Amino acid sequence: MEIGAPLEAPRRESRAMEIEYFARGLVIGLAIAAPVGPIGLLCIRRSLDAGFPLGFLTGLGAAAADGVYGAVAAFGLTAVSSFLVAQQRWLALGGGVALLWLGWQSFTRRPAGVDAPGAAAAVDGGSAAASLARERLWAAFGSTFLLTLANPATILSFVAVFAGLGLAGTGLAGDAGGNAASAMTIVLGVVLGSAAWWLFLAGSTAALRRQVPAGAIRWINTISGAILAGFGFAALWAALG
């Protein structure tokens, strides 16, 4: 006991630090995901129009992209971040076009209805409708994943938040000493923190779905489409300006 006791203190300290890094990652994920932007608008619209699964998968796509950018910041991959920032104009052009397309889709979309077949069909894995529903879920995930990656400003946000929480520098800086396990712990926290926000947003919006008439959803689709198109035009203006 006396021999093993000195070894327990470093282990407890290591576990405590890993918990601290995970908690910081959760805070970073929430801080990055919470501000309402085009992804949040898409999550709300899709949750109202088609239900919780589509809205949540929309948010999870952004959470996965946040994990990618969080890893770039946590591991200090400056070459990657520099390359992304250098290509910001082209990525912004692609993101702007994608937002215009999503805005047009939203603007012209008819409400799926409260009892839309997509959610129910997901239970019947053997039907063609269920297959289409799954494809739509993965399309929702992929579209927001790529859309979030197409915004290199996100990496700058991660760098700023990491600095604010004392994690700035190269690798997992300073207090983490560039430890890969600690970096992965923070990245996991970032993904789960972001996912928790999307779970809340999609869940709370979907809970209101039955209280919103189809006519109101039609107006929400129209307004959200116009706003998404506005985000798209703004991205194109910034890229071409």
Protein backbone atom coordinates (compact mmCIF):
# COMPACT_ATOMS: atom_id res chain seq x y z
CA MET A 1 0.00 0.00 0.00
CA GLU A 2 2.76 2.38 0.93
CA ILE A 3 4.57 1.65 -2.36
CA GLY A 4 1.46 1.97 -4.51
CA ALA A 5 0.07 5.01 -2.76
CA PRO A 6 2.44 7.52 -4.39
CA LEU A 7 1.34 6.24 -7.80
CA GLU A 8 -2.32 6.92 -7.08
CA ALA A 9 -1.87 10.66 -6.74
CA PRO A 10 -0.61 11.17 -10.33
CA ARG A 11 -3.39 8.91 -11.63
CA ARG A 12 -6.05 10.87 -9.78
CA GLU A 13 -4.53 14.12 -11.02
CA SER A 14 -4.50 12.77 -14.59
CA ARG A 15 -8.16 11.71 -14.36
CA ALA A 16 -9.12 15.08 -12.92
CA MET A 17 -7.35 16.86 -15.77
CA GLU A 18 -9.06 14.68 -18.38
CA ILE A 19 -12.44 15.51 -16.81
CA GLU A 20 -11.50 19.20 -16.88
CA TYR A 21 -10.51 18.99 -20.57
CA PHE A 22 -13.74 17.18 -21.40
CA ALA A 23 -15.77 19.86 -19.56
CA ARG A 24 -13.91 22.58 -21.45
CA GLY A 25 -14.66 20.78 -24.71
CA LEU A 26 -18.36 20.72 -23.82
CA VAL A 27 -18.29 24.46 -23.18
CA ILE A 28 -16.52 25.07 -26.51
CA GLY A 29 -19.01 22.90 -28.41
CA LEU A 30 -21.98 24.72 -26.88
CA ALA A 31 -20.40 28.14 -27.42
CA ILE A 32 -19.76 27.45 -31.12
CA ALA A 33 -23.12 25.78 -31.85
CA ALA A 34 -25.52 27.98 -29.89
CA PRO A 35 -25.47 31.23 -31.92
CA VAL A 36 -28.34 31.09 -34.38
CA GLY A 37 -27.15 31.12 -37.99
CA PRO A 38 -28.08 29.34 -41.22
CA ILE A 39 -27.53 25.87 -39.69
CA GLY A 40 -29.74 26.70 -36.72
CA LEU A 41 -32.39 28.02 -39.08
CA LEU A 42 -32.22 24.82 -41.14
CA CYS A 43 -32.51 22.72 -37.98
CA ILE A 44 -35.59 24.63 -36.82
CA ARG A 45 -37.27 24.56 -40.24
CA ARG A 46 -36.65 20.86 -40.83
CA SER A 47 -37.77 19.96 -37.29
CA LEU A 48 -41.02 21.85 -37.80
CA ASP A 49 -41.57 20.58 -41.32
CA ALA A 50 -40.57 16.91 -41.02
CA GLY A 51 -40.03 16.15 -37.35
CA PHE A 52 -37.23 15.49 -34.88
CA PRO A 53 -35.05 12.95 -36.81
CA LEU A 54 -34.48 15.23 -39.78
CA GLY A 55 -33.85 18.27 -37.58
CA PHE A 56 -31.47 16.42 -35.28
CA LEU A 57 -29.47 14.88 -38.16
CA THR A 58 -29.21 18.37 -39.62
CA GLY A 59 -27.57 19.55 -36.40
CA LEU A 60 -25.39 16.45 -36.07
CA GLY A 61 -23.83 17.25 -39.44
CA ALA A 62 -22.70 20.58 -38.02
CA ALA A 63 -21.52 18.88 -34.81
CA ALA A 64 -19.35 16.48 -36.83
CA ALA A 65 -17.81 19.40 -38.72
CA ASP A 66 -17.23 21.18 -35.41
CA GLY A 67 -15.35 18.07 -34.31
CA VAL A 68 -13.13 18.28 -37.39
CA TYR A 69 -12.32 21.94 -36.80
CA GLY A 70 -11.95 21.29 -33.08
CA ALA A 71 -9.36 18.62 -33.85
CA VAL A 72 -7.48 21.02 -36.13
CA ALA A 73 -7.34 23.56 -33.28
CA ALA A 74 -6.66 21.04 -30.49
CA PHE A 75 -3.81 19.29 -32.30
CA GLY A 76 -2.35 22.57 -33.51
CA LEU A 77 -2.52 21.64 -37.19
CA THR A 78 -1.48 25.09 -38.30
CA ALA A 79 -0.73 23.99 -41.85
CA VAL A 80 -4.32 22.75 -42.23
CA SER A 81 -5.87 25.84 -40.66
CA SER A 82 -3.65 28.14 -42.75
CA PHE A 83 -4.63 26.31 -45.92
CA LEU A 84 -8.34 26.54 -45.10
CA VAL A 85 -8.11 30.24 -44.33
CA ALA A 86 -6.14 30.80 -47.56
CA GLN A 87 -8.92 29.07 -49.51
CA GLN A 88 -11.62 31.02 -47.69
CA ARG A 89 -12.84 32.85 -50.81
CA TRP A 90 -13.46 29.66 -52.80
CA LEU A 91 -15.03 27.89 -49.85
CA ALA A 92 -17.27 30.90 -49.21
CA LEU A 93 -18.35 30.85 -52.85
CA GLY A 94 -19.31 27.19 -52.57
CA GLY A 95 -21.08 27.77 -49.26
CA GLY A 96 -22.94 30.78 -50.68
CA VAL A 97 -24.20 28.80 -53.66
CA ALA A 98 -25.26 25.95 -51.35
CA LEU A 99 -27.17 28.38 -49.12
CA LEU A 100 -28.94 29.86 -52.14
CA TRP A 101 -29.98 26.36 -53.20
CA LEU A 102 -31.19 25.47 -49.69
CA GLY A 103 -33.04 28.78 -49.53
CA TRP A 104 -34.76 28.05 -52.84
CA GLN A 105 -35.71 24.56 -51.65
CA SER A 106 -37.15 25.98 -48.43
CA PHE A 107 -38.93 28.81 -50.24
CA THR A 108 -40.70 26.44 -52.64
CA ARG A 109 -41.28 23.55 -50.24
CA ARG A 110 -44.80 22.55 -49.25
CA PRO A 111 -45.34 21.53 -45.63
CA ALA A 112 -44.85 17.82 -45.08
CA GLY A 113 -47.75 17.82 -42.64
CA VAL A 114 -47.84 16.73 -39.04
CA ASP A 115 -48.42 13.11 -39.99
CA ALA A 116 -45.77 13.12 -42.72
CA PRO A 117 -44.85 9.63 -43.92
CA GLY A 118 -41.11 10.19 -43.47
CA ALA A 119 -41.02 9.65 -39.72
CA ALA A 120 -43.44 6.73 -39.74
CA ALA A 121 -41.76 5.07 -42.69
CA ALA A 122 -38.47 4.98 -40.85
CA VAL A 123 -39.94 2.12 -38.79
CA ASP A 124 -40.65 0.02 -41.87
CA GLY A 125 -37.13 -0.74 -43.02
CA GLY A 126 -38.27 -2.86 -45.95
CA SER A 127 -40.35 -0.26 -47.77
CA ALA A 128 -39.25 2.09 -50.52
CA ALA A 129 -40.59 5.01 -48.47
CA ALA A 130 -38.32 4.04 -45.57
CA SER A 131 -35.35 3.93 -47.91
CA LEU A 132 -36.16 7.42 -49.16
CA ALA A 133 -36.55 8.61 -45.58
CA ARG A 134 -33.11 7.26 -44.67
CA GLU A 135 -31.58 8.88 -47.73
CA ARG A 136 -33.14 12.18 -46.73
CA LEU A 137 -31.73 11.85 -43.22
CA TRP A 138 -28.21 11.23 -44.53
CA ALA A 139 -28.63 14.08 -47.04
CA ALA A 140 -29.58 16.40 -44.16
CA PHE A 141 -26.48 15.28 -42.23
CA GLY A 142 -24.15 15.60 -45.22
CA SER A 143 -25.43 18.98 -46.36
CA THR A 144 -24.81 20.69 -43.02
CA PHE A 145 -21.50 18.86 -42.52
CA LEU A 146 -20.18 20.23 -45.82
CA LEU A 147 -21.80 23.62 -45.30
CA THR A 148 -20.10 24.01 -41.91
CA LEU A 149 -16.75 22.88 -43.31
CA ALA A 150 -17.14 25.45 -46.10
CA ASN A 151 -16.91 28.23 -43.52
CA PRO A 152 -13.23 28.58 -42.53
CA ALA A 153 -14.20 31.34 -40.12
CA THR A 154 -15.27 28.48 -37.86
CA ILE A 155 -11.65 27.48 -37.32
CA LEU A 156 -10.89 31.05 -36.28
CA SER A 157 -13.76 30.85 -33.78
CA PHE A 158 -12.28 27.67 -32.33
CA VAL A 159 -8.85 29.24 -32.02
CA ALA A 160 -10.36 32.26 -30.24
CA VAL A 161 -12.42 30.13 -27.83
CA PHE A 162 -9.47 27.82 -27.15
CA ALA A 163 -7.41 30.89 -26.28
CA GLY A 164 -10.13 32.20 -23.98
CA LEU A 165 -10.19 28.91 -22.09
CA GLY A 166 -6.42 28.72 -21.77
CA LEU A 167 -5.87 26.14 -24.49
CA ALA A 168 -4.20 28.34 -27.10
CA GLY A 169 -0.93 27.55 -28.76
CA THR A 170 0.54 24.71 -30.74
CA GLY A 171 -0.73 21.22 -30.15
CA LEU A 172 -2.98 21.17 -27.12
CA ALA A 173 -1.14 24.12 -25.72
CA GLY A 174 0.42 24.99 -22.45
CA ASP A 175 -1.37 23.08 -19.73
CA ALA A 176 -2.09 20.05 -21.92
CA GLY A 177 1.45 19.77 -23.13
CA GLY A 178 0.51 18.60 -26.57
CA ASN A 179 -0.82 15.29 -25.20
CA ALA A 180 -2.81 13.46 -27.90
CA ALA A 181 -5.17 11.79 -25.41
CA SER A 182 -6.00 15.15 -23.84
CA ALA A 183 -6.59 16.65 -27.28
CA MET A 184 -8.97 13.84 -28.18
CA THR A 185 -10.78 14.30 -24.87
CA ILE A 186 -11.42 17.95 -25.70
CA VAL A 187 -12.53 17.09 -29.25
CA LEU A 188 -14.98 14.53 -27.85
CA GLY A 189 -16.32 17.19 -25.51
CA VAL A 190 -16.69 19.62 -28.43
CA VAL A 191 -18.70 17.11 -30.47
CA LEU A 192 -20.95 16.12 -27.56
CA GLY A 193 -21.45 19.74 -26.48
CA SER A 194 -22.46 20.72 -29.99
CA ALA A 195 -24.67 17.63 -30.35
CA ALA A 196 -26.37 18.44 -27.03
CA TRP A 197 -27.34 21.86 -28.37
CA TRP A 198 -28.79 20.38 -31.56
CA LEU A 199 -30.63 17.75 -29.53
CA PHE A 200 -32.23 20.52 -27.48
CA LEU A 201 -33.04 22.72 -30.46
CA ALA A 202 -34.48 19.95 -32.64
CA GLY A 203 -36.33 18.35 -29.73
CA SER A 204 -37.92 21.55 -28.47
CA THR A 205 -38.89 22.63 -31.99
CA ALA A 206 -40.33 19.23 -32.89
CA ALA A 207 -42.35 19.26 -29.65
CA LEU A 208 -44.17 22.35 -30.96
CA ARG A 209 -44.78 20.82 -34.37
CA ARG A 210 -48.30 19.58 -33.73
CA GLN A 211 -49.28 22.96 -32.37
CA VAL A 212 -48.30 24.76 -35.58
CA PRO A 213 -50.86 24.68 -38.43
CA ALA A 214 -49.76 23.73 -41.95
CA GLY A 215 -50.42 27.27 -43.15
CA ALA A 216 -48.00 28.67 -40.58
CA ILE A 217 -45.36 26.10 -41.53
CA ARG A 218 -45.75 27.20 -45.15
CA TRP A 219 -45.00 30.78 -44.11
CA ILE A 220 -42.08 29.62 -41.97
CA ASN A 221 -40.66 27.76 -44.99
CA THR A 222 -41.03 30.89 -47.11
CA ILE A 223 -39.45 33.21 -44.55
CA SER A 224 -36.63 30.81 -43.70
CA GLY A 225 -35.96 30.34 -47.41
CA ALA A 226 -35.62 34.09 -47.85
CA ILE A 227 -33.29 34.33 -44.84
CA LEU A 228 -31.14 31.42 -46.05
CA ALA A 229 -30.91 33.07 -49.45
CA GLY A 230 -29.87 36.26 -47.68
CA PHE A 231 -27.07 34.38 -45.91
CA GLY A 232 -26.08 32.97 -49.30
CA PHE A 233 -25.95 36.38 -50.97
CA ALA A 234 -23.96 37.74 -48.02
CA ALA A 235 -21.43 34.91 -48.35
CA LEU A 236 -21.10 35.53 -52.09
CA TRP A 237 -20.75 39.29 -51.55
CA ALA A 238 -18.00 38.73 -48.97
CA ALA A 239 -16.20 36.26 -51.24
CA LEU A 240 -16.37 38.49 -54.32
CA GLY A 241 -15.90 41.79 -52.55
